[in-house]
Amino acid sequence: MTVTDADEARVVRLLSHDVAATLGPGYDEAIRNAAAHARTLWHEPSDYVDKVVEDVQQEFHDLFIDTTWPSCPFHPNHPLWLHGEQWVCEQNQTSVAPLGGLRRSASRPGPTR
């Protein structure tokens, strides 16, 4: 199987929603770049989605954009991790939302720009 244009557009759309809902606008280019780069390395669609999300999440952590993105609603000092296109709290193995389904937390307002 190979990653298609539709696969790339889908992961960009879903991840862009989650980032905008939790961090605000302004990260679409980083997401598109990660999706394009991962497509050169990964050919299985499910692996590709995981890699795009992992790369964007790692960039946010490494650049101190948000070191716990996306923050766990149960334990806000650690991030959620993507497993099977579900955002999961690894501490208690709870699925929080599907990829593309995150919402802004009332306790974590978005950044001001």
PDB file of N, CA and C in Angstrom:
ATOM      1  N   MET A   1       0.844  -1.175   0.000  1.00  0.00           N
ATOM      2  CA  MET A   1       0.000   0.000   0.000  1.00  0.00           C
ATOM      3  C   MET A   1       0.894   1.245   0.000  1.00  0.00           C
ATOM      4  N   THR A   2       0.376   2.331  -0.492  1.00  0.00           N
ATOM      5  CA  THR A   2       1.149   3.563  -0.537  1.00  0.00           C
ATOM      6  C   THR A   2       0.314   4.728  -0.026  1.00  0.00           C
ATOM      7  N   VAL A   3       0.976   5.725   0.486  1.00  0.00           N
ATOM      8  CA  VAL A   3       0.303   6.921   0.988  1.00  0.00           C
ATOM      9  C   VAL A   3      -0.146   7.747  -0.212  1.00  0.00           C
ATOM     10  N   THR A   4      -1.405   8.118  -0.221  1.00  0.00           N
ATOM     11  CA  THR A   4      -1.986   8.872  -1.334  1.00  0.00           C
ATOM     12  C   THR A   4      -2.098  10.359  -0.982  1.00  0.00           C
ATOM     13  N   ASP A   5      -2.418  11.155  -1.979  1.00  0.00           N
ATOM     14  CA  ASP A   5      -2.685  12.570  -1.732  1.00  0.00           C
ATOM     15  C   ASP A   5      -3.833  12.724  -0.733  1.00  0.00           C
ATOM     16  N   ALA A   6      -4.832  11.864  -0.839  1.00  0.00           N
ATOM     17  CA  ALA A   6      -5.972  11.921   0.086  1.00  0.00           C
ATOM     18  C   ALA A   6      -5.547  11.597   1.512  1.00  0.00           C
ATOM     19  N   ASP A   7      -4.633  10.628   1.682  1.00  0.00           N
ATOM     20  CA  ASP A   7      -4.117  10.308   3.017  1.00  0.00           C
ATOM     21  C   ASP A   7      -3.400  11.518   3.614  1.00  0.00           C
ATOM     22  N   GLU A   8      -2.581  12.161   2.792  1.00  0.00           N
ATOM     23  CA  GLU A   8      -1.838  13.330   3.258  1.00  0.00           C
ATOM     24  C   GLU A   8      -2.799  14.459   3.631  1.00  0.00           C
ATOM     25  N   ALA A   9      -3.772  14.729   2.773  1.00  0.00           N
ATOM     26  CA  ALA A   9      -4.730  15.801   3.054  1.00  0.00           C
ATOM     27  C   ALA A   9      -5.522  15.508   4.322  1.00  0.00           C
ATOM     28  N   ARG A  10      -5.868  14.257   4.531  1.00  0.00           N
ATOM     29  CA  ARG A  10      -6.642  13.871   5.709  1.00  0.00           C
ATOM     30  C   ARG A  10      -5.865  14.104   6.996  1.00  0.00           C
ATOM     31  N   VAL A  11      -4.612  13.643   7.060  1.00  0.00           N
ATOM     32  CA  VAL A  11      -3.843  13.825   8.291  1.00  0.00           C
ATOM     33  C   VAL A  11      -3.563  15.308   8.539  1.00  0.00           C
ATOM     34  N   VAL A  12      -3.320  16.072   7.491  1.00  0.00           N
ATOM     35  CA  VAL A  12      -3.105  17.515   7.650  1.00  0.00           C
ATOM     36  C   VAL A  12      -4.369  18.169   8.210  1.00  0.00           C
ATOM     37  N   ARG A  13      -5.529  17.794   7.669  1.00  0.00           N
ATOM     38  CA  ARG A  13      -6.798  18.378   8.127  1.00  0.00           C
ATOM     39  C   ARG A  13      -7.077  18.031   9.587  1.00  0.00           C
ATOM     40  N   LEU A  14      -6.945  16.757   9.952  1.00  0.00           N
ATOM     41  CA  LEU A  14      -7.248  16.326  11.310  1.00  0.00           C
ATOM     42  C   LEU A  14      -6.271  16.914  12.331  1.00  0.00           C
ATOM     43  N   LEU A  15      -4.982  16.855  12.007  1.00  0.00           N
ATOM     44  CA  LEU A  15      -3.980  17.373  12.928  1.00  0.00           C
ATOM     45  C   LEU A  15      -4.068  18.888  13.033  1.00  0.00           C
ATOM     46  N   SER A  16      -4.350  19.560  11.929  1.00  0.00           N
ATOM     47  CA  SER A  16      -4.520  21.019  11.966  1.00  0.00           C
ATOM     48  C   SER A  16      -5.681  21.402  12.873  1.00  0.00           C
ATOM     49  N   HIS A  17      -6.753  20.631  12.837  1.00  0.00           N
ATOM     50  CA  HIS A  17      -7.875  20.895  13.742  1.00  0.00           C
ATOM     51  C   HIS A  17      -7.435  20.789  15.196  1.00  0.00           C
ATOM     52  N   ASP A  18      -6.729  19.703  15.530  1.00  0.00           N
ATOM     53  CA  ASP A  18      -6.314  19.498  16.915  1.00  0.00           C
ATOM     54  C   ASP A  18      -5.357  20.588  17.383  1.00  0.00           C
ATOM     55  N   VAL A  19      -4.438  20.977  16.531  1.00  0.00           N
ATOM     56  CA  VAL A  19      -3.487  22.029  16.894  1.00  0.00           C
ATOM     57  C   VAL A  19      -4.205  23.362  17.062  1.00  0.00           C
ATOM     58  N   ALA A  20      -5.061  23.715  16.131  1.00  0.00           N
ATOM     59  CA  ALA A  20      -5.792  24.983  16.230  1.00  0.00           C
ATOM     60  C   ALA A  20      -6.694  25.001  17.458  1.00  0.00           C
ATOM     61  N   ALA A  21      -7.314  23.871  17.770  1.00  0.00           N
ATOM     62  CA  ALA A  21      -8.214  23.808  18.927  1.00  0.00           C
ATOM     63  C   ALA A  21      -7.473  23.936  20.241  1.00  0.00           C
ATOM     64  N   THR A  22      -6.219  23.511  20.270  1.00  0.00           N
ATOM     65  CA  THR A  22      -5.484  23.495  21.539  1.00  0.00           C
ATOM     66  C   THR A  22      -4.414  24.576  21.647  1.00  0.00           C
ATOM     67  N   LEU A  23      -3.827  24.969  20.532  1.00  0.00           N
ATOM     68  CA  LEU A  23      -2.764  25.982  20.552  1.00  0.00           C
ATOM     69  C   LEU A  23      -3.139  27.271  19.840  1.00  0.00           C
ATOM     70  N   GLY A  24      -4.134  27.194  18.981  1.00  0.00           N
ATOM     71  CA  GLY A  24      -4.510  28.355  18.186  1.00  0.00           C
ATOM     72  C   GLY A  24      -3.965  28.238  16.776  1.00  0.00           C
ATOM     73  N   PRO A  25      -4.214  29.256  15.965  1.00  0.00           N
ATOM     74  CA  PRO A  25      -3.781  29.208  14.564  1.00  0.00           C
ATOM     75  C   PRO A  25      -2.280  29.478  14.429  1.00  0.00           C
ATOM     76  N   GLY A  26      -1.787  29.238  13.226  1.00  0.00           N
ATOM     77  CA  GLY A  26      -0.405  29.610  12.925  1.00  0.00           C
ATOM     78  C   GLY A  26       0.554  28.455  12.753  1.00  0.00           C
ATOM     79  N   TYR A  27       0.065  27.225  12.797  1.00  0.00           N
ATOM     80  CA  TYR A  27       0.950  26.071  12.713  1.00  0.00           C
ATOM     81  C   TYR A  27       0.718  25.216  11.473  1.00  0.00           C
ATOM     82  N   ASP A  28      -0.123  25.686  10.558  1.00  0.00           N
ATOM     83  CA  ASP A  28      -0.466  24.888   9.380  1.00  0.00           C
ATOM     84  C   ASP A  28       0.744  24.560   8.513  1.00  0.00           C
ATOM     85  N   GLU A  29       1.643  25.502   8.350  1.00  0.00           N
ATOM     86  CA  GLU A  29       2.822  25.244   7.513  1.00  0.00           C
ATOM     87  C   GLU A  29       3.696  24.151   8.110  1.00  0.00           C
ATOM     88  N   ALA A  30       3.901  24.170   9.413  1.00  0.00           N
ATOM     89  CA  ALA A  30       4.700  23.128  10.071  1.00  0.00           C
ATOM     90  C   ALA A  30       4.057  21.761   9.880  1.00  0.00           C
ATOM     91  N   ILE A  31       2.737  21.709   9.954  1.00  0.00           N
ATOM     92  CA  ILE A  31       2.024  20.446   9.781  1.00  0.00           C
ATOM     93  C   ILE A  31       2.147  19.964   8.340  1.00  0.00           C
ATOM     94  N   ARG A  32       1.941  20.863   7.391  1.00  0.00           N
ATOM     95  CA  ARG A  32       2.076  20.482   5.972  1.00  0.00           C
ATOM     96  C   ARG A  32       3.497  20.011   5.664  1.00  0.00           C
ATOM     97  N   ASN A  33       4.496  20.690   6.210  1.00  0.00           N
ATOM     98  CA  ASN A  33       5.890  20.292   5.967  1.00  0.00           C
ATOM     99  C   ASN A  33       6.178  18.911   6.551  1.00  0.00           C
ATOM    100  N   ALA A  34       5.683  18.651   7.750  1.00  0.00           N
ATOM    101  CA  ALA A  34       5.886  17.333   8.368  1.00  0.00           C
ATOM    102  C   ALA A  34       5.207  16.248   7.546  1.00  0.00           C
ATOM    103  N   ALA A  35       4.008  16.543   7.048  1.00  0.00           N
ATOM    104  CA  ALA A  35       3.270  15.565   6.243  1.00  0.00           C
ATOM    105  C   ALA A  35       4.001  15.269   4.937  1.00  0.00           C
ATOM    106  N   ALA A  36       4.519  16.292   4.294  1.00  0.00           N
ATOM    107  CA  ALA A  36       5.242  16.099   3.035  1.00  0.00           C
ATOM    108  C   ALA A  36       6.534  15.318   3.275  1.00  0.00           C
ATOM    109  N   HIS A  37       7.255  15.647   4.325  1.00  0.00           N
ATOM    110  CA  HIS A  37       8.512  14.960   4.625  1.00  0.00           C
ATOM    111  C   HIS A  37       8.267  13.493   4.980  1.00  0.00           C
ATOM    112  N   ALA A  38       7.293  13.231   5.828  1.00  0.00           N
ATOM    113  CA  ALA A  38       7.012  11.852   6.237  1.00  0.00           C
ATOM    114  C   ALA A  38       6.594  10.996   5.045  1.00  0.00           C
ATOM    115  N   ARG A  39       5.969  11.615   4.088  1.00  0.00           N
ATOM    116  CA  ARG A  39       5.513  10.857   2.911  1.00  0.00           C
ATOM    117  C   ARG A  39       6.690  10.316   2.099  1.00  0.00           C
ATOM    118  N   THR A  40       7.844  10.956   2.186  1.00  0.00           N
ATOM    119  CA  THR A  40       9.021  10.459   1.475  1.00  0.00           C
ATOM    120  C   THR A  40       9.631   9.245   2.177  1.00  0.00           C
ATOM    121  N   LEU A  41       9.269   9.028   3.440  1.00  0.00           N
ATOM    122  CA  LEU A  41       9.882   7.966   4.235  1.00  0.00           C
ATOM    123  C   LEU A  41       8.946   6.806   4.562  1.00  0.00           C
ATOM    124  N   TRP A  42       7.667   7.068   4.654  1.00  0.00           N
ATOM    125  CA  TRP A  42       6.700   6.061   5.109  1.00  0.00           C
ATOM    126  C   TRP A  42       5.705   5.776   3.989  1.00  0.00           C
ATOM    127  N   HIS A  43       5.402   4.520   3.784  1.00  0.00           N
ATOM    128  CA  HIS A  43       4.527   4.142   2.673  1.00  0.00           C
ATOM    129  C   HIS A  43       3.236   3.475   3.122  1.00  0.00           C
ATOM    130  N   GLU A  44       3.177   3.005   4.349  1.00  0.00           N
ATOM    131  CA  GLU A  44       1.958   2.409   4.895  1.00  0.00           C
ATOM    132  C   GLU A  44       1.137   3.538   5.531  1.00  0.00           C
ATOM    133  N   PRO A  45      -0.119   3.743   5.105  1.00  0.00           N
ATOM    134  CA  PRO A  45      -0.901   4.883   5.606  1.00  0.00           C
ATOM    135  C   PRO A  45      -0.987   4.993   7.128  1.00  0.00           C
ATOM    136  N   SER A  46      -1.172   3.884   7.846  1.00  0.00           N
ATOM    137  CA  SER A  46      -1.284   3.987   9.307  1.00  0.00           C
ATOM    138  C   SER A  46       0.048   4.409   9.941  1.00  0.00           C
ATOM    139  N   ASP A  47       1.153   3.872   9.429  1.00  0.00           N
ATOM    140  CA  ASP A  47       2.467   4.291   9.922  1.00  0.00           C
ATOM    141  C   ASP A  47       2.720   5.758   9.596  1.00  0.00           C
ATOM    142  N   TYR A  48       2.285   6.160   8.424  1.00  0.00           N
ATOM    143  CA  TYR A  48       2.454   7.543   7.978  1.00  0.00           C
ATOM    144  C   TYR A  48       1.740   8.513   8.918  1.00  0.00           C
ATOM    145  N   VAL A  49       0.500   8.232   9.262  1.00  0.00           N
ATOM    146  CA  VAL A  49      -0.255   9.102  10.176  1.00  0.00           C
ATOM    147  C   VAL A  49       0.479   9.213  11.504  1.00  0.00           C
ATOM    148  N   ASP A  50       0.900   8.082  12.050  1.00  0.00           N
ATOM    149  CA  ASP A  50       1.623   8.096  13.329  1.00  0.00           C
ATOM    150  C   ASP A  50       2.878   8.954  13.229  1.00  0.00           C
ATOM    151  N   LYS A  51       3.622   8.830  12.140  1.00  0.00           N
ATOM    152  CA  LYS A  51       4.880   9.559  11.979  1.00  0.00           C
ATOM    153  C   LYS A  51       4.647  11.055  11.853  1.00  0.00           C
ATOM    154  N   VAL A  52       3.633  11.465  11.097  1.00  0.00           N
ATOM    155  CA  VAL A  52       3.337  12.895  10.958  1.00  0.00           C
ATOM    156  C   VAL A  52       3.004  13.485  12.321  1.00  0.00           C
ATOM    157  N   VAL A  53       2.115  12.835  13.046  1.00  0.00           N
ATOM    158  CA  VAL A  53       1.706  13.337  14.358  1.00  0.00           C
ATOM    159  C   VAL A  53       2.901  13.356  15.309  1.00  0.00           C
ATOM    160  N   GLU A  54       3.679  12.298  15.315  1.00  0.00           N
ATOM    161  CA  GLU A  54       4.854  12.227  16.184  1.00  0.00           C
ATOM    162  C   GLU A  54       5.850  13.345  15.868  1.00  0.00           C
ATOM    163  N   ASP A  55       6.081  13.599  14.593  1.00  0.00           N
ATOM    164  CA  ASP A  55       7.035  14.649  14.211  1.00  0.00           C
ATOM    165  C   ASP A  55       6.556  16.035  14.630  1.00  0.00           C
ATOM    166  N   VAL A  56       5.272  16.312  14.429  1.00  0.00           N
ATOM    167  CA  VAL A  56       4.733  17.617  14.827  1.00  0.00           C
ATOM    168  C   VAL A  56       4.774  17.752  16.342  1.00  0.00           C
ATOM    169  N   GLN A  57       4.367  16.717  17.045  1.00  0.00           N
ATOM    170  CA  GLN A  57       4.382  16.740  18.504  1.00  0.00           C
ATOM    171  C   GLN A  57       5.812  16.950  19.012  1.00  0.00           C
ATOM    172  N   GLN A  58       6.764  16.247  18.429  1.00  0.00           N
ATOM    173  CA  GLN A  58       8.161  16.388  18.854  1.00  0.00           C
ATOM    174  C   GLN A  58       8.675  17.798  18.599  1.00  0.00           C
ATOM    175  N   GLU A  59       8.300  18.389  17.470  1.00  0.00           N
ATOM    176  CA  GLU A  59       8.714  19.763  17.167  1.00  0.00           C
ATOM    177  C   GLU A  59       8.165  20.732  18.214  1.00  0.00           C
ATOM    178  N   PHE A  60       6.894  20.576  18.575  1.00  0.00           N
ATOM    179  CA  PHE A  60       6.306  21.454  19.596  1.00  0.00           C
ATOM    180  C   PHE A  60       7.019  21.302  20.928  1.00  0.00           C
ATOM    181  N   HIS A  61       7.411  20.081  21.272  1.00  0.00           N
ATOM    182  CA  HIS A  61       8.115  19.846  22.525  1.00  0.00           C
ATOM    183  C   HIS A  61       9.540  20.397  22.457  1.00  0.00           C
ATOM    184  N   ASP A  62      10.264  20.071  21.391  1.00  0.00           N
ATOM    185  CA  ASP A  62      11.668  20.478  21.265  1.00  0.00           C
ATOM    186  C   ASP A  62      11.846  21.986  21.176  1.00  0.00           C
ATOM    187  N   LEU A  63      10.909  22.668  20.504  1.00  0.00           N
ATOM    188  CA  LEU A  63      11.017  24.120  20.333  1.00  0.00           C
ATOM    189  C   LEU A  63      10.322  24.888  21.458  1.00  0.00           C
ATOM    190  N   PHE A  64       9.858  24.159  22.468  1.00  0.00           N
ATOM    191  CA  PHE A  64       9.185  24.760  23.635  1.00  0.00           C
ATOM    192  C   PHE A  64       7.951  25.574  23.241  1.00  0.00           C
ATOM    193  N   ILE A  65       7.318  25.166  22.136  1.00  0.00           N
ATOM    194  CA  ILE A  65       6.039  25.776  21.772  1.00  0.00           C
ATOM    195  C   ILE A  65       5.021  25.378  22.831  1.00  0.00           C
ATOM    196  N   ASP A  66       5.030  24.112  23.193  1.00  0.00           N
ATOM    197  CA  ASP A  66       4.221  23.573  24.290  1.00  0.00           C
ATOM    198  C   ASP A  66       4.800  22.205  24.607  1.00  0.00           C
ATOM    199  N   THR A  67       5.462  22.081  25.743  1.00  0.00           N
ATOM    200  CA  THR A  67       6.188  20.850  26.076  1.00  0.00           C
ATOM    201  C   THR A  67       5.284  19.719  26.537  1.00  0.00           C
ATOM    202  N   THR A  68       4.004  19.967  26.653  1.00  0.00           N
ATOM    203  CA  THR A  68       3.074  18.897  27.004  1.00  0.00           C
ATOM    204  C   THR A  68       1.954  18.779  25.972  1.00  0.00           C
ATOM    205  N   TRP A  69       2.211  19.232  24.729  1.00  0.00           N
ATOM    206  CA  TRP A  69       1.153  19.186  23.712  1.00  0.00           C
ATOM    207  C   TRP A  69       0.948  17.784  23.190  1.00  0.00           C
ATOM    208  N   PRO A  70      -0.308  17.404  23.034  1.00  0.00           N
ATOM    209  CA  PRO A  70      -1.499  17.999  23.629  1.00  0.00           C
ATOM    210  C   PRO A  70      -1.635  17.540  25.076  1.00  0.00           C
ATOM    211  N   SER A  71      -1.922  18.455  25.943  1.00  0.00           N
ATOM    212  CA  SER A  71      -1.965  18.142  27.365  1.00  0.00           C
ATOM    213  C   SER A  71      -3.103  17.193  27.711  1.00  0.00           C
ATOM    214  N   CYS A  72      -2.795  16.302  28.605  1.00  0.00           N
ATOM    215  CA  CYS A  72      -3.777  15.349  29.105  1.00  0.00           C
ATOM    216  C   CYS A  72      -4.801  16.087  29.971  1.00  0.00           C
ATOM    217  N   PRO A  73      -6.095  15.863  29.746  1.00  0.00           N
ATOM    218  CA  PRO A  73      -7.099  16.537  30.572  1.00  0.00           C
ATOM    219  C   PRO A  73      -7.138  16.013  32.006  1.00  0.00           C
ATOM    220  N   PHE A  74      -6.587  14.823  32.237  1.00  0.00           N
ATOM    221  CA  PHE A  74      -6.568  14.241  33.576  1.00  0.00           C
ATOM    222  C   PHE A  74      -5.303  14.606  34.342  1.00  0.00           C
ATOM    223  N   HIS A  75      -4.214  14.749  33.624  1.00  0.00           N
ATOM    224  CA  HIS A  75      -2.889  15.018  34.206  1.00  0.00           C
ATOM    225  C   HIS A  75      -2.208  16.066  33.325  1.00  0.00           C
ATOM    226  N   PRO A  76      -2.494  17.348  33.509  1.00  0.00           N
ATOM    227  CA  PRO A  76      -2.032  18.374  32.560  1.00  0.00           C
ATOM    228  C   PRO A  76      -0.516  18.567  32.484  1.00  0.00           C
ATOM    229  N   ASN A  77       0.236  17.836  33.297  1.00  0.00           N
ATOM    230  CA  ASN A  77       1.687  17.968  33.222  1.00  0.00           C
ATOM    231  C   ASN A  77       2.326  16.947  32.290  1.00  0.00           C
ATOM    232  N   HIS A  78       1.508  16.169  31.574  1.00  0.00           N
ATOM    233  CA  HIS A  78       2.060  15.276  30.560  1.00  0.00           C
ATOM    234  C   HIS A  78       1.158  15.289  29.331  1.00  0.00           C
ATOM    235  N   PRO A  79       1.747  14.961  28.181  1.00  0.00           N
ATOM    236  CA  PRO A  79       0.961  14.982  26.946  1.00  0.00           C
ATOM    237  C   PRO A  79       0.164  13.696  26.747  1.00  0.00           C
ATOM    238  N   LEU A  80      -0.795  13.814  25.865  1.00  0.00           N
ATOM    239  CA  LEU A  80      -1.463  12.640  25.316  1.00  0.00           C
ATOM    240  C   LEU A  80      -0.565  12.095  24.215  1.00  0.00           C
ATOM    241  N   TRP A  81      -0.730  10.822  23.894  1.00  0.00           N
ATOM    242  CA  TRP A  81       0.019  10.200  22.805  1.00  0.00           C
ATOM    243  C   TRP A  81      -0.971   9.539  21.864  1.00  0.00           C
ATOM    244  N   LEU A  82      -0.633   9.532  20.589  1.00  0.00           N
ATOM    245  CA  LEU A  82      -1.527   8.960  19.584  1.00  0.00           C
ATOM    246  C   LEU A  82      -1.282   7.462  19.454  1.00  0.00           C
ATOM    247  N   HIS A  83      -2.370   6.689  19.570  1.00  0.00           N
ATOM    248  CA  HIS A  83      -2.335   5.237  19.381  1.00  0.00           C
ATOM    249  C   HIS A  83      -3.549   4.866  18.544  1.00  0.00           C
ATOM    250  N   GLY A  84      -3.315   4.319  17.363  1.00  0.00           N
ATOM    251  CA  GLY A  84      -4.429   3.907  16.521  1.00  0.00           C
ATOM    252  C   GLY A  84      -5.393   5.036  16.215  1.00  0.00           C
ATOM    253  N   GLU A  85      -4.846   6.215  15.966  1.00  0.00           N
ATOM    254  CA  GLU A  85      -5.609   7.437  15.666  1.00  0.00           C
ATOM    255  C   GLU A  85      -6.510   7.878  16.818  1.00  0.00           C
ATOM    256  N   GLN A  86      -6.127   7.494  18.036  1.00  0.00           N
ATOM    257  CA  GLN A  86      -6.804   7.956  19.250  1.00  0.00           C
ATOM    258  C   GLN A  86      -5.785   8.638  20.147  1.00  0.00           C
ATOM    259  N   TRP A  87      -6.126   9.819  20.653  1.00  0.00           N
ATOM    260  CA  TRP A  87      -5.301  10.483  21.655  1.00  0.00           C
ATOM    261  C   TRP A  87      -5.546   9.773  22.985  1.00  0.00           C
ATOM    262  N   VAL A  88      -4.471   9.282  23.610  1.00  0.00           N
ATOM    263  CA  VAL A  88      -4.576   8.429  24.789  1.00  0.00           C
ATOM    264  C   VAL A  88      -3.737   8.992  25.925  1.00  0.00           C
ATOM    265  N   CYS A  89      -4.312   8.953  27.144  1.00  0.00           N
ATOM    266  CA  CYS A  89      -3.539   9.191  28.358  1.00  0.00           C
ATOM    267  C   CYS A  89      -2.842   7.878  28.669  1.00  0.00           C
ATOM    268  N   GLU A  90      -1.524   7.844  28.545  1.00  0.00           N
ATOM    269  CA  GLU A  90      -0.791   6.601  28.781  1.00  0.00           C
ATOM    270  C   GLU A  90      -0.741   6.244  30.262  1.00  0.00           C
ATOM    271  N   GLN A  91      -0.907   7.238  31.127  1.00  0.00           N
ATOM    272  CA  GLN A  91      -0.840   6.962  32.560  1.00  0.00           C
ATOM    273  C   GLN A  91      -1.990   6.057  32.999  1.00  0.00           C
ATOM    274  N   ASN A  92      -3.198   6.327  32.500  1.00  0.00           N
ATOM    275  CA  ASN A  92      -4.325   5.474  32.898  1.00  0.00           C
ATOM    276  C   ASN A  92      -4.956   4.745  31.708  1.00  0.00           C
ATOM    277  N   GLN A  93      -4.276   4.759  30.543  1.00  0.00           N
ATOM    278  CA  GLN A  93      -4.712   4.033  29.350  1.00  0.00           C
ATOM    279  C   GLN A  93      -6.138   4.392  28.939  1.00  0.00           C
ATOM    280  N   THR A  94      -6.450   5.689  28.992  1.00  0.00           N
ATOM    281  CA  THR A  94      -7.770   6.178  28.634  1.00  0.00           C
ATOM    282  C   THR A  94      -7.720   6.909  27.309  1.00  0.00           C
ATOM    283  N   SER A  95      -8.619   6.542  26.402  1.00  0.00           N
ATOM    284  CA  SER A  95      -8.749   7.259  25.150  1.00  0.00           C
ATOM    285  C   SER A  95      -9.502   8.556  25.418  1.00  0.00           C
ATOM    286  N   VAL A  96      -8.949   9.669  24.943  1.00  0.00           N
ATOM    287  CA  VAL A  96      -9.525  10.987  25.211  1.00  0.00           C
ATOM    288  C   VAL A  96     -10.312  11.502  24.016  1.00  0.00           C
ATOM    289  N   ALA A  97      -9.781  11.307  22.818  1.00  0.00           N
ATOM    290  CA  ALA A  97     -10.441  11.810  21.610  1.00  0.00           C
ATOM    291  C   ALA A  97      -9.781  11.170  20.395  1.00  0.00           C
ATOM    292  N   PRO A  98     -10.528  11.080  19.305  1.00  0.00           N
ATOM    293  CA  PRO A  98      -9.899  10.623  18.067  1.00  0.00           C
ATOM    294  C   PRO A  98      -9.026  11.744  17.498  1.00  0.00           C
ATOM    295  N   LEU A  99      -8.096  11.382  16.646  1.00  0.00           N
ATOM    296  CA  LEU A  99      -7.326  12.378  15.920  1.00  0.00           C
ATOM    297  C   LEU A  99      -8.311  13.291  15.200  1.00  0.00           C
ATOM    298  N   GLY A 100      -8.170  14.582  15.397  1.00  0.00           N
ATOM    299  CA  GLY A 100      -9.094  15.547  14.812  1.00  0.00           C
ATOM    300  C   GLY A 100     -10.234  15.911  15.744  1.00  0.00           C
ATOM    301  N   GLY A 101     -10.254  15.343  16.950  1.00  0.00           N
ATOM    302  CA  GLY A 101     -11.368  15.557  17.872  1.00  0.00           C
ATOM    303  C   GLY A 101     -11.024  16.296  19.146  1.00  0.00           C
ATOM    304  N   LEU A 102      -9.823  16.856  19.245  1.00  0.00           N
ATOM    305  CA  LEU A 102      -9.473  17.596  20.464  1.00  0.00           C
ATOM    306  C   LEU A 102     -10.229  18.914  20.523  1.00  0.00           C
ATOM    307  N   ARG A 103     -10.491  19.345  21.744  1.00  0.00           N
ATOM    308  CA  ARG A 103     -11.161  20.631  21.981  1.00  0.00           C
ATOM    309  C   ARG A 103     -10.327  21.434  22.956  1.00  0.00           C
ATOM    310  N   ARG A 104     -10.520  22.742  22.912  1.00  0.00           N
ATOM    311  CA  ARG A 104      -9.799  23.624  23.826  1.00  0.00           C
ATOM    312  C   ARG A 104     -10.247  23.343  25.249  1.00  0.00           C
ATOM    313  N   SER A 105      -9.287  23.231  26.143  1.00  0.00           N
ATOM    314  CA  SER A 105      -9.583  23.043  27.561  1.00  0.00           C
ATOM    315  C   SER A 105      -9.858  24.396  28.193  1.00  0.00           C
ATOM    316  N   ALA A 106     -10.861  24.461  29.040  1.00  0.00           N
ATOM    317  CA  ALA A 106     -11.177  25.717  29.732  1.00  0.00           C
ATOM    318  C   ALA A 106     -10.033  26.146  30.633  1.00  0.00           C
ATOM    319  N   SER A 107      -9.254  25.177  31.123  1.00  0.00           N
ATOM    320  CA  SER A 107      -8.150  25.520  32.021  1.00  0.00           C
ATOM    321  C   SER A 107      -6.871  25.876  31.274  1.00  0.00           C
ATOM    322  N   ARG A 108      -6.860  25.678  29.951  1.00  0.00           N
ATOM    323  CA  ARG A 108      -5.677  25.979  29.142  1.00  0.00           C
ATOM    324  C   ARG A 108      -6.059  26.867  27.994  1.00  0.00           C
ATOM    325  N   PRO A 109      -6.162  28.165  28.239  1.00  0.00           N
ATOM    326  CA  PRO A 109      -6.476  29.043  27.120  1.00  0.00           C
ATOM    327  C   PRO A 109      -5.344  29.042  26.101  1.00  0.00           C
ATOM    328  N   GLY A 110      -5.692  29.341  24.873  1.00  0.00           N
ATOM    329  CA  GLY A 110      -4.691  29.392  23.819  1.00  0.00           C
ATOM    330  C   GLY A 110      -3.730  30.554  24.002  1.00  0.00           C
ATOM    331  N   PRO A 111      -2.612  30.538  23.298  1.00  0.00           N
ATOM    332  CA  PRO A 111      -1.630  31.611  23.423  1.00  0.00           C
ATOM    333  C   PRO A 111      -2.165  32.913  22.843  1.00  0.00           C
ATOM    334  N   THR A 112      -1.659  33.981  23.363  1.00  0.00           N
ATOM    335  CA  THR A 112      -2.013  35.279  22.781  1.00  0.00           C
ATOM    336  C   THR A 112      -0.951  35.624  21.773  1.00  0.00           C
ATOM    337  N   ARG A 113      -1.382  36.186  20.679  1.00  0.00           N
ATOM    338  CA  ARG A 113      -0.425  36.555  19.625  1.00  0.00           C
ATOM    339  C   ARG A 113      -0.706  37.955  19.189  1.00  0.00           C
TER     340      ARG A 113
END
